[in-house]
């Protein structure tokens, strides 16, 4: 089922006159060298998660693009989990070491870790729903709601990380700490 995104736009998920796929169904890759700026890298990964929520909302609205849904499943199976690990294994411990008491970072990080546990459980249900969609099953109203609620949750989670955690990280993590964070992110990707 193809829906139009605007009066002069090609149907979402279909090619335009130049042969390029609609970018609405794509999760943008991170530029390779950005990992050397680890906080910017984490922020870019947050933007990729935001891209994933846009796709989830399109699916919840009844739109479908086989390649887009397939790539979304791959994103949730690989990149989403890797990012949660990046934060919990690398970023959060460094913040706990280098933040000041007035930052109240422990309370924020505990909340985010709790949300990560829920995300890990919920993403399995989301992947199952997406696989059913790929198999040709129609999106039910309950599945549509499930996709929308997960997308809404990711938006609020990212707001806390982008609005509070990353600004604190930019102030508290300097020189050597950023190098350690970069090395940890690279090591996690080489395994």
Protein backbone atom coordinates (compact mmCIF):
# COMPACT_ATOMS: atom_id res chain seq x y z
CA UNK A 1 0.00 0.00 0.00
CA UNK A 2 1.65 3.24 -1.05
CA UNK A 3 0.68 6.57 0.35
CA UNK A 4 1.72 9.88 -1.03
CA UNK A 5 3.83 12.22 1.01
CA UNK A 6 2.85 15.37 -0.83
CA UNK A 7 1.13 16.52 -3.99
CA UNK A 8 4.29 16.51 -6.14
CA UNK A 9 6.14 13.72 -4.32
CA UNK A 10 6.30 10.10 -5.51
CA UNK A 11 4.50 7.53 -3.36
CA UNK A 12 6.46 6.87 -0.18
CA UNK A 13 8.76 3.90 -0.60
CA UNK A 14 8.73 4.09 -4.39
CA UNK A 15 11.27 5.57 -6.74
CA UNK A 16 11.08 9.14 -7.90
CA UNK A 17 11.97 10.19 -11.44
CA UNK A 18 15.72 10.09 -10.68
CA UNK A 19 15.49 6.48 -9.52
CA UNK A 20 16.37 7.23 -5.90
CA UNK A 21 14.45 5.59 -3.09
CA UNK A 22 12.47 7.86 -0.79
CA UNK A 23 14.73 8.89 2.08
CA UNK A 24 11.79 8.57 4.48
CA UNK A 25 12.43 4.80 4.59
CA UNK A 26 16.20 5.12 5.20
CA UNK A 27 18.15 5.25 8.42
CA UNK A 28 21.11 7.45 7.61
CA UNK A 29 24.56 5.93 8.14
CA UNK A 30 27.05 7.54 10.48
CA UNK A 31 30.09 9.07 8.78
CA UNK A 32 33.03 6.68 9.45
CA UNK A 33 35.39 9.21 11.05
CA UNK A 34 32.80 10.53 13.49
CA UNK A 35 33.67 7.81 16.00
CA UNK A 36 36.76 9.90 16.80
CA UNK A 37 34.37 12.48 18.28
CA UNK A 38 32.53 10.04 20.56
CA UNK A 39 29.87 12.37 21.94
CA UNK A 40 28.99 13.53 18.43
CA UNK A 41 28.97 9.87 17.40
CA UNK A 42 26.47 9.00 20.15
CA UNK A 43 24.36 12.00 19.14
CA UNK A 44 24.42 10.79 15.52
CA UNK A 45 23.28 7.36 16.70
CA UNK A 46 20.39 9.09 18.48
CA UNK A 47 19.45 10.69 15.15
CA UNK A 48 19.42 7.22 13.60
CA UNK A 49 17.05 6.09 16.34
CA UNK A 50 14.86 9.08 15.53
CA UNK A 51 14.88 7.96 11.87
CA UNK A 52 13.73 4.53 13.04
CA UNK A 53 10.77 6.06 14.88
CA UNK A 54 9.68 7.90 11.74
CA UNK A 55 9.61 4.60 9.89
CA UNK A 56 7.71 2.94 12.74
CA UNK A 57 5.08 5.67 12.59
CA UNK A 58 4.73 5.27 8.82
CA UNK A 59 4.20 1.54 9.26
CA UNK A 60 1.71 2.19 12.08
CA UNK A 61 -0.18 4.45 9.64
CA UNK A 62 -0.44 1.60 7.13
CA UNK A 63 2.45 2.47 4.81
CA UNK A 64 4.80 -0.27 3.68
CA UNK A 65 8.14 -0.59 1.96
CA UNK A 66 9.66 -4.09 2.00
CA UNK A 67 13.26 -2.91 1.85
CA UNK A 68 12.64 -0.21 4.45
CA UNK A 69 11.03 -2.66 6.87
CA UNK A 70 13.83 -5.19 6.31
CA UNK A 71 16.48 -2.53 7.06
CA UNK A 72 14.53 -1.41 10.14
CA UNK A 73 14.55 -4.96 11.50
CA UNK A 74 18.32 -5.14 10.91
CA UNK A 75 18.74 -1.80 12.70
CA UNK A 76 16.82 -3.00 15.76
CA UNK A 77 18.58 -6.39 15.82
CA UNK A 78 22.12 -5.00 15.56
CA UNK A 79 22.59 -1.24 15.92
CA UNK A 80 19.97 -0.57 18.59
CA UNK A 81 21.44 -3.15 20.99
CA UNK A 82 25.00 -2.04 20.21
CA UNK A 83 24.09 1.56 21.07
CA UNK A 84 22.52 0.60 24.40
CA UNK A 85 25.74 -1.23 25.22
CA UNK A 86 27.81 1.79 24.19
CA UNK A 87 26.01 3.89 26.73
CA UNK A 88 25.95 1.37 29.56
CA UNK A 89 29.45 -0.08 29.15
CA UNK A 90 31.31 3.04 28.03
CA UNK A 91 29.53 6.38 28.43
CA UNK A 92 27.61 5.91 31.69
CA UNK A 93 30.58 4.58 33.74
CA UNK A 94 32.76 7.48 32.53
CA UNK A 95 30.06 9.95 33.51
CA UNK A 96 29.76 8.38 36.97
CA UNK A 97 33.54 8.76 37.40
CA UNK A 98 33.83 12.35 36.21
CA UNK A 99 30.58 14.10 37.08
CA UNK A 100 30.18 16.26 40.16
CA UNK A 101 27.51 15.63 42.83
CA UNK A 102 25.50 18.64 41.65
CA UNK A 103 25.11 16.99 38.24
CA UNK A 104 22.86 14.38 39.91
CA UNK A 105 23.92 12.01 37.16
CA UNK A 106 23.35 8.77 39.10
CA UNK A 107 19.60 9.33 39.31
CA UNK A 108 19.38 10.15 35.59
CA UNK A 109 21.53 7.18 34.55
CA UNK A 110 19.52 4.77 36.72
CA UNK A 111 16.35 5.94 34.99
CA UNK A 112 17.94 5.52 31.55
CA UNK A 113 19.23 2.05 32.41
CA UNK A 114 15.76 1.04 33.57
CA UNK A 115 14.35 2.34 30.28
CA UNK A 116 17.03 0.40 28.38
CA UNK A 117 15.89 -2.86 30.05
CA UNK A 118 12.32 -2.13 28.98
CA UNK A 119 13.49 -1.19 25.48
CA UNK A 120 15.37 -4.46 25.11
CA UNK A 121 12.23 -6.39 26.06
CA UNK A 122 9.90 -4.28 23.90
CA UNK A 123 12.12 -4.26 20.82
CA UNK A 124 11.71 -8.03 20.52
CA UNK A 125 7.93 -7.54 20.22
CA UNK A 126 8.50 -4.74 17.69
CA UNK A 127 10.77 -6.98 15.60
CA UNK A 128 8.17 -9.75 15.70
CA UNK A 129 5.48 -7.32 14.54
CA UNK A 130 7.71 -6.09 11.70
CA UNK A 131 8.47 -9.64 10.61
CA UNK A 132 4.73 -10.40 10.51
CA UNK A 133 4.31 -7.29 8.39
CA UNK A 134 7.00 -8.55 6.00
CA UNK A 135 5.20 -11.89 5.83
CA UNK A 136 2.14 -10.07 4.49
CA UNK A 137 0.05 -9.85 7.64
CA UNK A 138 -1.90 -6.60 7.89
CA UNK A 139 -1.12 -4.18 10.68
CA UNK A 140 -3.84 -4.53 13.30
CA UNK A 141 -4.98 -1.60 15.42
CA UNK A 142 -3.22 -3.11 18.46
CA UNK A 143 0.04 -3.52 16.50
CA UNK A 144 -0.28 0.02 15.20
CA UNK A 145 -0.68 1.26 18.77
CA UNK A 146 2.30 -0.83 19.89
CA UNK A 147 4.50 0.71 17.17
CA UNK A 148 3.34 4.25 17.99
CA UNK A 149 3.89 3.80 21.74
CA UNK A 150 7.40 2.44 21.19
CA UNK A 151 8.22 5.35 18.85
CA UNK A 152 6.86 7.85 21.40
CA UNK A 153 8.92 6.26 24.16
CA UNK A 154 12.10 6.43 22.07
CA UNK A 155 11.43 10.13 21.41
CA UNK A 156 11.12 10.94 25.12
CA UNK A 157 14.16 8.78 25.96
CA UNK A 158 16.23 10.61 23.34
CA UNK A 159 15.03 13.97 24.66
CA UNK A 160 16.48 13.14 28.08
CA UNK A 161 19.74 11.84 26.64
CA UNK A 162 20.21 14.70 24.15
CA UNK A 163 18.91 17.44 26.43
CA UNK A 164 20.58 16.43 29.70
CA UNK A 165 23.13 13.60 29.46
CA UNK A 166 25.08 14.64 26.37
CA UNK A 167 25.42 18.30 27.44
CA UNK A 168 26.79 17.11 30.79
CA UNK A 169 29.14 14.73 28.96
CA UNK A 170 30.42 17.61 26.81
CA UNK A 171 31.34 19.54 29.97
CA UNK A 172 32.67 16.72 32.15
CA UNK A 173 34.48 14.49 29.65
CA UNK A 174 37.63 16.02 28.23
CA UNK A 175 40.87 14.98 26.52
CA UNK A 176 41.81 11.61 28.01
CA UNK A 177 38.23 10.65 28.90
CA UNK A 178 37.13 11.26 25.32
CA UNK A 179 40.03 9.16 24.05
CA UNK A 180 39.02 6.34 26.40
CA UNK A 181 35.41 6.61 25.19
CA UNK A 182 36.54 6.55 21.55
CA UNK A 183 38.72 3.50 22.18
CA UNK A 184 35.86 1.68 23.90
CA UNK A 185 33.44 2.42 21.05
CA UNK A 186 35.98 1.20 18.49
CA UNK A 187 36.75 -1.93 20.50
CA UNK A 188 33.03 -2.78 20.76
CA UNK A 189 32.81 -2.63 16.96
CA UNK A 190 35.89 -4.77 16.31
CA UNK A 191 34.56 -7.79 18.23
